[in-house]
Amino acid sequence: MNAQERQERARIGAGTRWSKPGARERQAAAARAAMYRRLRDQVDPDGVMGPDELAAAIQSAASVNAARLRLAKLRKDADQ
């Protein structure tokens, strides 16, 4: 299979996946849950924080993550 055929098969697969009812919502929910787990494990690896403290720490870590993504985009845009 050459590169063009692989690309077309990938398009077919992606189109099939995203055309199913609720596919985008399920994927978004799974992505949010994975991000929450990653941030939770990052800020409280031992599981000792209380719920309010944990929520605040996760929110802070999420803000830092978003800032890092914005900075990376700015740098990329400046290079172009």
Protein backbone atom coordinates (compact mmCIF):
# COMPACT_ATOMS: atom_id res chain seq x y z
CA MET A 1 0.00 0.00 0.00
CA ASN A 2 1.45 3.35 -0.97
CA ALA A 3 1.21 6.63 0.94
CA GLN A 4 -1.82 7.86 -0.99
CA GLU A 5 -3.75 4.67 -0.29
CA ARG A 6 -2.90 4.86 3.41
CA GLN A 7 -4.10 8.46 3.51
CA GLU A 8 -7.41 7.57 1.85
CA ARG A 9 -7.94 4.62 4.20
CA ALA A 10 -7.29 6.93 7.14
CA ARG A 11 -9.87 9.40 5.81
CA ILE A 12 -12.42 6.62 5.45
CA GLY A 13 -11.74 5.40 8.97
CA ALA A 14 -11.96 8.88 10.48
CA GLY A 15 -15.14 9.66 8.57
CA THR A 16 -16.71 6.42 9.71
CA ARG A 17 -15.74 7.00 13.32
CA TRP A 18 -16.98 10.56 13.56
CA SER A 19 -20.21 9.93 11.65
CA LYS A 20 -21.59 7.69 14.40
CA PRO A 21 -24.19 9.31 16.68
CA GLY A 22 -22.63 10.67 19.87
CA ALA A 23 -19.07 9.88 18.81
CA ARG A 24 -17.78 13.41 19.36
CA GLU A 25 -19.46 13.75 22.73
CA ARG A 26 -18.08 10.41 23.93
CA GLN A 27 -14.58 11.27 22.76
CA ALA A 28 -14.72 14.69 24.41
CA ALA A 29 -15.95 13.17 27.68
CA ALA A 30 -13.19 10.55 27.58
CA ALA A 31 -10.57 13.22 26.89
CA ARG A 32 -11.83 15.39 29.78
CA ALA A 33 -11.79 12.40 32.14
CA ALA A 34 -8.24 11.48 31.10
CA MET A 35 -7.06 15.07 31.58
CA TYR A 36 -8.69 15.19 35.02
CA ARG A 37 -7.00 11.93 36.06
CA ARG A 38 -3.62 13.10 34.79
CA LEU A 39 -3.87 16.42 36.62
CA ARG A 40 -5.20 14.74 39.78
CA ASP A 41 -2.25 12.33 39.78
CA GLN A 42 0.13 15.22 39.13
CA VAL A 43 -1.08 17.45 41.99
CA ASP A 44 -1.94 14.73 44.53
CA PRO A 45 0.01 11.56 43.73
CA ASP A 46 -0.54 10.16 47.24
CA GLY A 47 -4.28 10.96 47.36
CA VAL A 48 -4.07 12.89 50.62
CA MET A 49 -5.77 16.18 49.64
CA GLY A 50 -9.31 16.96 50.62
CA PRO A 51 -11.91 17.47 47.87
CA ASP A 52 -11.87 21.30 47.97
CA GLU A 53 -8.09 21.52 48.07
CA LEU A 54 -7.82 18.94 45.27
CA ALA A 55 -10.30 20.81 43.08
CA ALA A 56 -8.38 24.07 43.54
CA ALA A 57 -5.05 22.38 42.78
CA ILE A 58 -6.45 20.70 39.66
CA GLN A 59 -7.89 24.01 38.45
CA SER A 60 -4.52 25.68 38.97
CA ALA A 61 -2.69 22.89 37.15
CA ALA A 62 -5.19 23.10 34.29
CA SER A 63 -4.57 26.86 34.02
CA VAL A 64 -0.81 26.27 33.89
CA ASN A 65 -1.30 23.62 31.22
CA ALA A 66 -3.42 26.01 29.13
CA ALA A 67 -0.80 28.75 29.51
CA ARG A 68 1.92 26.38 28.32
CA LEU A 69 -0.15 25.48 25.27
CA ARG A 70 -0.73 29.17 24.48
CA LEU A 71 3.00 29.90 24.84
CA ALA A 72 3.89 27.01 22.53
CA LYS A 73 1.42 28.32 19.94
CA LEU A 74 2.87 31.84 20.19
CA ARG A 75 6.36 30.49 19.66
CA LYS A 76 5.25 28.37 16.73
CA ASP A 77 3.45 31.31 15.12
CA ALA A 78 6.52 33.51 15.61
CA ASP A 79 8.71 30.94 13.82
CA GLN A 80 6.50 30.93 10.74
